């Protein structure tokens, strides 16, 4: 059997997933507001920066919520995961609505930043999960190498 490197064994799947989700989001904190500022001005860039930050925070809290769901009874896992998703979407919707009540915020850059950050974070979660799984090298009975 091939053993995983010590750094992979020491990290839990949740930590790998959070790291996998947050690393690709980090450049978005600069890139999205900068592109938004170039396209639509300063307040749009502030709106986009808020969108990236709030979206990343909500998705990190969602991963921690899923960790809590998975530590509970297995019969409620799917319902609990769906509940976490609904809470995340509700928090994002209420946040968009509340921020849209202000006079300075531009909603479109905020929403675009929410969506882009969410997609990048979710893709990073998958990559982090796949990297957290140890690889097994098994020789089956009768198999010659």
N, C-alpha and C. Protein backbone atom coordinates (compact mmCIF):
# COMPACT_ATOMS: atom_id res chain seq x y z
N UNK A 1 0.83 -1.19 0.00
CA UNK A 1 0.00 0.00 0.00
C UNK A 1 0.87 1.25 0.00
N UNK A 2 0.40 2.26 -0.68
CA UNK A 2 1.10 3.54 -0.71
C UNK A 2 0.47 4.44 0.33
N UNK A 3 1.29 4.97 1.20
CA UNK A 3 0.77 5.85 2.25
C UNK A 3 0.69 7.28 1.75
N UNK A 4 -0.29 8.01 2.26
CA UNK A 4 -0.43 9.42 1.91
C UNK A 4 0.64 10.21 2.64
N UNK A 5 1.10 11.31 2.07
CA UNK A 5 2.08 12.14 2.77
C UNK A 5 1.53 12.61 4.12
N UNK A 6 2.45 12.89 5.04
CA UNK A 6 2.05 13.26 6.41
C UNK A 6 1.18 14.50 6.43
N UNK A 7 1.39 15.45 5.51
CA UNK A 7 0.58 16.67 5.52
C UNK A 7 -0.86 16.39 5.15
N UNK A 8 -1.09 15.40 4.29
CA UNK A 8 -2.46 15.07 3.93
C UNK A 8 -3.16 14.31 5.05
N UNK A 9 -2.41 13.44 5.74
CA UNK A 9 -3.03 12.67 6.82
C UNK A 9 -3.41 13.56 7.99
N UNK A 10 -2.65 14.63 8.23
CA UNK A 10 -2.91 15.48 9.39
C UNK A 10 -4.13 16.38 9.19
N UNK A 11 -4.51 16.66 7.96
CA UNK A 11 -5.61 17.58 7.69
C UNK A 11 -6.92 16.82 7.57
N UNK A 12 -7.96 17.32 8.23
CA UNK A 12 -9.27 16.68 8.15
C UNK A 12 -9.94 17.02 6.83
N UNK A 13 -10.93 16.24 6.41
CA UNK A 13 -11.63 16.58 5.16
C UNK A 13 -12.28 17.96 5.20
N UNK A 14 -12.83 18.35 6.36
CA UNK A 14 -13.47 19.67 6.44
C UNK A 14 -12.44 20.77 6.25
N UNK A 15 -11.28 20.61 6.87
CA UNK A 15 -10.22 21.62 6.71
C UNK A 15 -9.75 21.68 5.26
N UNK A 16 -9.62 20.52 4.61
CA UNK A 16 -9.23 20.50 3.20
C UNK A 16 -10.28 21.15 2.32
N UNK A 17 -11.53 20.91 2.64
CA UNK A 17 -12.61 21.51 1.86
C UNK A 17 -12.65 23.02 2.05
N UNK A 18 -12.50 23.49 3.29
CA UNK A 18 -12.50 24.93 3.54
C UNK A 18 -11.31 25.59 2.85
N UNK A 19 -10.16 24.96 2.94
CA UNK A 19 -8.97 25.50 2.27
C UNK A 19 -9.17 25.50 0.76
N UNK A 20 -9.74 24.41 0.24
CA UNK A 20 -10.02 24.32 -1.19
C UNK A 20 -11.04 25.34 -1.65
N UNK A 21 -11.97 25.71 -0.79
CA UNK A 21 -12.97 26.71 -1.14
C UNK A 21 -12.46 28.14 -1.00
N UNK A 22 -11.66 28.37 0.03
CA UNK A 22 -11.22 29.75 0.29
C UNK A 22 -10.03 30.18 -0.56
N UNK A 23 -9.14 29.26 -0.92
CA UNK A 23 -7.99 29.65 -1.72
C UNK A 23 -8.37 30.26 -3.08
N UNK A 24 -9.29 29.65 -3.84
CA UNK A 24 -9.65 30.29 -5.11
C UNK A 24 -10.52 31.54 -4.93
N UNK A 25 -11.14 31.70 -3.77
CA UNK A 25 -11.96 32.89 -3.51
C UNK A 25 -11.08 34.09 -3.16
N UNK A 26 -9.92 33.84 -2.58
CA UNK A 26 -9.05 34.94 -2.14
C UNK A 26 -8.72 35.94 -3.26
N UNK A 27 -8.35 35.49 -4.46
CA UNK A 27 -8.09 36.48 -5.51
C UNK A 27 -9.34 37.26 -5.93
N UNK A 28 -10.51 36.68 -5.71
CA UNK A 28 -11.75 37.37 -6.08
C UNK A 28 -11.97 38.62 -5.24
N UNK A 29 -11.43 38.62 -4.02
CA UNK A 29 -11.58 39.78 -3.14
C UNK A 29 -10.96 41.02 -3.79
N UNK A 30 -9.92 40.83 -4.57
CA UNK A 30 -9.27 41.95 -5.27
C UNK A 30 -9.78 42.07 -6.70
N UNK A 31 -9.88 40.93 -7.38
CA UNK A 31 -10.18 40.93 -8.81
C UNK A 31 -11.59 41.44 -9.14
N UNK A 32 -12.60 40.94 -8.44
CA UNK A 32 -13.98 41.32 -8.75
C UNK A 32 -14.23 42.81 -8.49
N UNK A 33 -13.84 43.36 -7.33
CA UNK A 33 -14.04 44.80 -7.15
C UNK A 33 -13.23 45.65 -8.13
N UNK A 34 -12.02 45.21 -8.46
CA UNK A 34 -11.20 45.96 -9.41
C UNK A 34 -11.84 46.00 -10.79
N UNK A 35 -12.31 44.87 -11.25
CA UNK A 35 -12.99 44.83 -12.56
C UNK A 35 -14.29 45.62 -12.52
N UNK A 36 -15.00 45.53 -11.40
CA UNK A 36 -16.25 46.27 -11.26
C UNK A 36 -15.99 47.77 -11.22
N UNK A 37 -14.94 48.18 -10.53
CA UNK A 37 -14.57 49.60 -10.48
C UNK A 37 -14.25 50.12 -11.88
N UNK A 38 -13.51 49.31 -12.65
CA UNK A 38 -13.16 49.73 -14.01
C UNK A 38 -14.40 49.83 -14.90
N UNK A 39 -15.39 48.99 -14.65
CA UNK A 39 -16.57 48.96 -15.50
C UNK A 39 -17.65 49.93 -15.05
N UNK A 40 -17.81 50.11 -13.73
CA UNK A 40 -18.98 50.85 -13.27
C UNK A 40 -18.71 51.88 -12.19
N UNK A 41 -17.50 52.00 -11.71
CA UNK A 41 -17.21 53.05 -10.74
C UNK A 41 -17.02 52.55 -9.32
N UNK A 42 -16.77 53.50 -8.43
CA UNK A 42 -16.39 53.21 -7.06
C UNK A 42 -17.43 52.52 -6.21
N UNK A 43 -18.69 53.02 -6.22
CA UNK A 43 -19.71 52.40 -5.39
C UNK A 43 -20.08 51.01 -5.88
N UNK A 44 -19.96 50.79 -7.16
CA UNK A 44 -20.19 49.44 -7.68
C UNK A 44 -19.10 48.50 -7.18
N UNK A 45 -17.86 49.01 -7.11
CA UNK A 45 -16.76 48.19 -6.60
C UNK A 45 -16.94 47.86 -5.12
N UNK A 46 -17.41 48.84 -4.34
CA UNK A 46 -17.71 48.59 -2.92
C UNK A 46 -18.81 47.54 -2.80
N UNK A 47 -19.82 47.64 -3.64
CA UNK A 47 -20.92 46.66 -3.64
C UNK A 47 -20.39 45.27 -3.98
N UNK A 48 -19.51 45.18 -4.97
CA UNK A 48 -18.94 43.89 -5.35
C UNK A 48 -18.07 43.31 -4.24
N UNK A 49 -17.31 44.17 -3.58
CA UNK A 49 -16.48 43.72 -2.46
C UNK A 49 -17.35 43.16 -1.33
N UNK A 50 -18.44 43.85 -1.03
CA UNK A 50 -19.39 43.33 -0.04
C UNK A 50 -19.96 41.98 -0.48
N UNK A 51 -20.27 41.87 -1.76
CA UNK A 51 -20.81 40.62 -2.28
C UNK A 51 -19.85 39.46 -2.11
N UNK A 52 -18.58 39.68 -2.43
CA UNK A 52 -17.58 38.62 -2.28
C UNK A 52 -17.43 38.24 -0.81
N UNK A 53 -17.30 39.23 0.05
CA UNK A 53 -17.08 38.94 1.47
C UNK A 53 -18.25 38.25 2.13
N UNK A 54 -19.44 38.75 1.89
CA UNK A 54 -20.62 38.15 2.53
C UNK A 54 -20.88 36.76 1.99
N UNK A 55 -20.74 36.57 0.68
CA UNK A 55 -20.96 35.26 0.09
C UNK A 55 -19.96 34.24 0.64
N UNK A 56 -18.70 34.60 0.71
CA UNK A 56 -17.69 33.68 1.25
C UNK A 56 -18.01 33.33 2.69
N UNK A 57 -18.40 34.31 3.49
CA UNK A 57 -18.73 34.05 4.89
C UNK A 57 -19.93 33.11 5.01
N UNK A 58 -20.95 33.32 4.21
CA UNK A 58 -22.15 32.47 4.28
C UNK A 58 -21.82 31.04 3.86
N UNK A 59 -20.97 30.87 2.84
CA UNK A 59 -20.63 29.52 2.40
C UNK A 59 -19.70 28.81 3.38
N UNK A 60 -18.80 29.54 4.03
CA UNK A 60 -17.97 28.94 5.08
C UNK A 60 -18.85 28.47 6.23
N UNK A 61 -19.79 29.31 6.64
CA UNK A 61 -20.70 28.90 7.71
C UNK A 61 -21.55 27.71 7.28
N UNK A 62 -21.88 27.62 5.99
CA UNK A 62 -22.63 26.48 5.49
C UNK A 62 -21.84 25.18 5.60
N UNK A 63 -20.54 25.24 5.30
CA UNK A 63 -19.70 24.04 5.44
C UNK A 63 -19.63 23.61 6.90
N UNK A 64 -19.50 24.58 7.79
CA UNK A 64 -19.48 24.24 9.22
C UNK A 64 -20.84 23.68 9.65
N UNK A 65 -21.93 24.19 9.07
CA UNK A 65 -23.26 23.66 9.36
C UNK A 65 -23.41 22.23 8.87
N UNK A 66 -22.87 21.95 7.69
CA UNK A 66 -22.91 20.58 7.16
C UNK A 66 -22.12 19.64 8.06
N UNK A 67 -21.01 20.12 8.58
CA UNK A 67 -20.22 19.30 9.50
C UNK A 67 -21.07 18.93 10.71
N UNK A 68 -21.85 19.88 11.21
CA UNK A 68 -22.75 19.59 12.32
C UNK A 68 -23.83 18.60 11.94
N UNK A 69 -24.37 18.74 10.74
CA UNK A 69 -25.41 17.82 10.28
C UNK A 69 -24.85 16.40 10.18
N UNK A 70 -23.64 16.27 9.66
CA UNK A 70 -23.05 14.95 9.48
C UNK A 70 -22.67 14.29 10.80
N UNK A 71 -22.51 15.07 11.85
CA UNK A 71 -22.18 14.48 13.14
C UNK A 71 -23.45 14.00 13.88
N UNK A 72 -24.61 14.33 13.33
CA UNK A 72 -25.87 13.91 13.95
C UNK A 72 -26.32 12.55 13.43
N UNK A 73 -27.57 12.22 13.68
CA UNK A 73 -28.10 10.93 13.23
C UNK A 73 -28.13 10.84 11.70
N UNK A 74 -27.78 9.68 11.18
CA UNK A 74 -27.70 9.51 9.73
C UNK A 74 -29.07 9.58 9.06
N UNK A 75 -30.12 9.31 9.78
CA UNK A 75 -31.45 9.35 9.19
C UNK A 75 -31.86 10.76 8.77
N UNK A 76 -31.24 11.76 9.36
CA UNK A 76 -31.62 13.14 9.06
C UNK A 76 -30.57 13.87 8.22
N UNK A 77 -29.60 13.16 7.68
CA UNK A 77 -28.51 13.81 6.96
C UNK A 77 -28.98 14.59 5.75
N UNK A 78 -29.77 13.97 4.89
CA UNK A 78 -30.21 14.66 3.67
C UNK A 78 -31.13 15.83 3.99
N UNK A 79 -32.03 15.65 4.92
CA UNK A 79 -32.92 16.75 5.31
C UNK A 79 -32.12 17.88 5.95
N UNK A 80 -31.14 17.53 6.75
CA UNK A 80 -30.31 18.54 7.39
C UNK A 80 -29.47 19.31 6.38
N UNK A 81 -28.91 18.60 5.40
CA UNK A 81 -28.13 19.26 4.36
C UNK A 81 -29.01 20.20 3.54
N UNK A 82 -30.21 19.76 3.23
CA UNK A 82 -31.15 20.62 2.51
C UNK A 82 -31.51 21.84 3.35
N UNK A 83 -31.68 21.63 4.64
CA UNK A 83 -31.97 22.74 5.55
C UNK A 83 -30.85 23.76 5.58
N UNK A 84 -29.61 23.29 5.58
CA UNK A 84 -28.46 24.20 5.56
C UNK A 84 -28.47 25.01 4.26
N UNK A 85 -28.75 24.35 3.14
CA UNK A 85 -28.81 25.06 1.85
C UNK A 85 -29.91 26.12 1.86
N UNK A 86 -31.08 25.78 2.38
CA UNK A 86 -32.18 26.74 2.44
C UNK A 86 -31.81 27.93 3.32
N UNK A 87 -31.18 27.66 4.46
CA UNK A 87 -30.77 28.76 5.35
C UNK A 87 -29.75 29.65 4.64
N UNK A 88 -28.80 29.05 3.93
CA UNK A 88 -27.80 29.84 3.20
C UNK A 88 -28.47 30.74 2.17
N UNK A 89 -29.37 30.19 1.39
CA UNK A 89 -30.03 30.98 0.35
C UNK A 89 -30.91 32.07 0.97
N UNK A 90 -31.56 31.75 2.09
CA UNK A 90 -32.39 32.75 2.76
C UNK A 90 -31.53 33.89 3.30
N UNK A 91 -30.40 33.56 3.89
CA UNK A 91 -29.50 34.59 4.42
C UNK A 91 -29.00 35.48 3.28
N UNK A 92 -28.63 34.87 2.16
CA UNK A 92 -28.17 35.67 1.02
C UNK A 92 -29.30 36.55 0.48
N UNK A 93 -30.51 36.01 0.38
CA UNK A 93 -31.64 36.79 -0.13
C UNK A 93 -31.98 37.95 0.80
N UNK A 94 -32.01 37.70 2.10
CA UNK A 94 -32.30 38.76 3.06
C UNK A 94 -31.19 39.81 3.04
N UNK A 95 -29.97 39.38 2.90
CA UNK A 95 -28.85 40.32 2.82
C UNK A 95 -28.95 41.20 1.59
N UNK A 96 -29.26 40.60 0.45
CA UNK A 96 -29.43 41.39 -0.78
C UNK A 96 -30.58 42.38 -0.59
N UNK A 97 -31.69 41.92 -0.05
CA UNK A 97 -32.83 42.82 0.14
C UNK A 97 -32.47 43.96 1.09
N UNK A 98 -31.83 43.64 2.23
CA UNK A 98 -31.50 44.67 3.22
C UNK A 98 -30.50 45.68 2.65
N UNK A 99 -29.49 45.20 1.95
CA UNK A 99 -28.51 46.11 1.37
C UNK A 99 -29.12 46.93 0.23
N UNK A 100 -30.09 46.38 -0.46
CA UNK A 100 -30.73 47.11 -1.55
C UNK A 100 -31.56 48.28 -1.05
N UNK A 101 -31.87 48.29 0.24
CA UNK A 101 -32.63 49.41 0.81
C UNK A 101 -31.77 50.65 1.02
N UNK A 102 -30.47 50.50 0.91
CA UNK A 102 -29.58 51.65 1.07
C UNK A 102 -29.55 52.46 -0.22
N UNK A 103 -29.08 53.69 -0.14
CA UNK A 103 -29.03 54.54 -1.33
C UNK A 103 -27.74 54.41 -2.09
N UNK A 104 -26.68 53.97 -1.45
CA UNK A 104 -25.37 53.93 -2.08
C UNK A 104 -25.06 52.61 -2.77
N UNK A 105 -25.72 51.53 -2.37
CA UNK A 105 -25.39 50.20 -2.89
C UNK A 105 -25.96 50.00 -4.29
N UNK A 106 -25.18 49.34 -5.12
CA UNK A 106 -25.66 48.93 -6.44
C UNK A 106 -25.89 47.42 -6.40
N UNK A 107 -27.10 47.01 -6.65
CA UNK A 107 -27.50 45.63 -6.46
C UNK A 107 -26.87 44.69 -7.48
N UNK A 108 -26.80 45.07 -8.73
CA UNK A 108 -26.28 44.17 -9.76
C UNK A 108 -24.85 43.71 -9.47
N UNK A 109 -23.90 44.59 -9.17
CA UNK A 109 -22.55 44.10 -8.84
C UNK A 109 -22.53 43.22 -7.59
N UNK A 110 -23.38 43.53 -6.62
CA UNK A 110 -23.47 42.71 -5.41
C UNK A 110 -23.91 41.30 -5.75
N UNK A 111 -24.96 41.18 -6.53
CA UNK A 111 -25.50 39.87 -6.88
C UNK A 111 -24.52 39.09 -7.76
N UNK A 112 -23.91 39.75 -8.72
CA UNK A 112 -22.93 39.07 -9.58
C UNK A 112 -21.77 38.55 -8.73
N UNK A 113 -21.30 39.37 -7.79
CA UNK A 113 -20.22 38.93 -6.91
C UNK A 113 -20.66 37.75 -6.04
N UNK A 114 -21.91 37.78 -5.54
CA UNK A 114 -22.45 36.64 -4.79
C UNK A 114 -22.37 35.36 -5.61
N UNK A 115 -22.86 35.43 -6.83
CA UNK A 115 -22.95 34.24 -7.68
C UNK A 115 -21.56 33.73 -8.04
N UNK A 116 -20.69 34.63 -8.49
CA UNK A 116 -19.34 34.22 -8.90
C UNK A 116 -18.60 33.60 -7.71
N UNK A 117 -18.67 34.24 -6.57
CA UNK A 117 -18.00 33.73 -5.37
C UNK A 117 -18.57 32.37 -4.97
N UNK A 118 -19.88 32.25 -5.02
CA UNK A 118 -20.51 30.97 -4.66
C UNK A 118 -20.08 29.84 -5.58
N UNK A 119 -20.04 30.09 -6.87
CA UNK A 119 -19.62 29.05 -7.82
C UNK A 119 -18.16 28.66 -7.63
N UNK A 120 -17.31 29.66 -7.46
CA UNK A 120 -15.87 29.38 -7.26
C UNK A 120 -15.67 28.63 -5.95
N UNK A 121 -16.36 29.05 -4.90
CA UNK A 121 -16.22 28.39 -3.60
C UNK A 121 -16.68 26.94 -3.69
N UNK A 122 -17.81 26.69 -4.33
CA UNK A 122 -18.32 25.33 -4.44
C UNK A 122 -17.39 24.43 -5.25
N UNK A 123 -16.83 24.96 -6.33
CA UNK A 123 -15.86 24.18 -7.12
C UNK A 123 -14.63 23.87 -6.27
N UNK A 124 -14.18 24.84 -5.48
CA UNK A 124 -13.05 24.62 -4.60
C UNK A 124 -13.35 23.59 -3.52
N UNK A 125 -14.59 23.56 -3.04
CA UNK A 125 -14.98 22.55 -2.06
C UNK A 125 -14.83 21.15 -2.63
N UNK A 126 -15.27 20.97 -3.86
CA UNK A 126 -15.17 19.66 -4.49
C UNK A 126 -13.71 19.25 -4.64
N UNK A 127 -12.88 20.16 -5.10
CA UNK A 127 -11.45 19.87 -5.25
C UNK A 127 -10.84 19.55 -3.89
N UNK A 128 -11.17 20.33 -2.87
CA UNK A 128 -10.66 20.08 -1.53
C UNK A 128 -11.10 18.73 -0.99
N UNK A 129 -12.34 18.36 -1.26
CA UNK A 129 -12.83 17.05 -0.82
C UNK A 129 -12.09 15.93 -1.52
N UNK A 130 -11.94 16.05 -2.82
CA UNK A 130 -11.25 15.00 -3.57
C UNK A 130 -9.79 14.86 -3.14
N UNK A 131 -9.16 15.96 -2.79
CA UNK A 131 -7.77 15.90 -2.33
C UNK A 131 -7.65 15.35 -0.91
N UNK A 132 -8.72 15.40 -0.15
CA UNK A 132 -8.65 14.93 1.24
C UNK A 132 -8.78 13.42 1.35
N UNK A 133 -9.20 12.78 0.30
CA UNK A 133 -9.39 11.33 0.34
C UNK A 133 -8.08 10.63 0.06
N UNK A 134 -7.67 9.72 0.93
CA UNK A 134 -6.40 9.01 0.70
C UNK A 134 -6.54 8.03 -0.46
N UNK A 135 -5.48 7.89 -1.21
CA UNK A 135 -5.47 6.93 -2.31
C UNK A 135 -5.03 5.58 -1.79
N UNK A 136 -5.70 4.55 -2.23
CA UNK A 136 -5.34 3.19 -1.83
C UNK A 136 -4.73 2.47 -3.01
N UNK A 137 -3.68 1.74 -2.75
CA UNK A 137 -3.04 0.91 -3.76
C UNK A 137 -3.12 -0.52 -3.24
N UNK A 138 -4.11 -1.25 -3.73
CA UNK A 138 -4.40 -2.58 -3.19
C UNK A 138 -4.11 -3.62 -4.25
N UNK A 139 -3.46 -4.69 -3.84
CA UNK A 139 -3.25 -5.83 -4.73
C UNK A 139 -4.27 -6.89 -4.35
N UNK A 140 -5.12 -7.27 -5.29
CA UNK A 140 -6.15 -8.26 -5.04
C UNK A 140 -5.55 -9.66 -5.09
N UNK A 141 -6.19 -10.62 -4.39
CA UNK A 141 -5.68 -12.00 -4.44
C UNK A 141 -5.63 -12.51 -5.88
N UNK A 142 -4.52 -13.12 -6.24
CA UNK A 142 -4.36 -13.64 -7.58
C UNK A 142 -3.82 -12.64 -8.58
N UNK A 143 -3.70 -11.38 -8.19
CA UNK A 143 -3.19 -10.34 -9.08
C UNK A 143 -1.67 -10.26 -8.92
N UNK A 144 -0.99 -10.21 -10.03
CA UNK A 144 0.46 -10.14 -10.01
C UNK A 144 0.90 -8.75 -10.48
N UNK A 145 1.89 -8.21 -9.79
CA UNK A 145 2.41 -6.89 -10.17
C UNK A 145 3.82 -6.96 -10.57
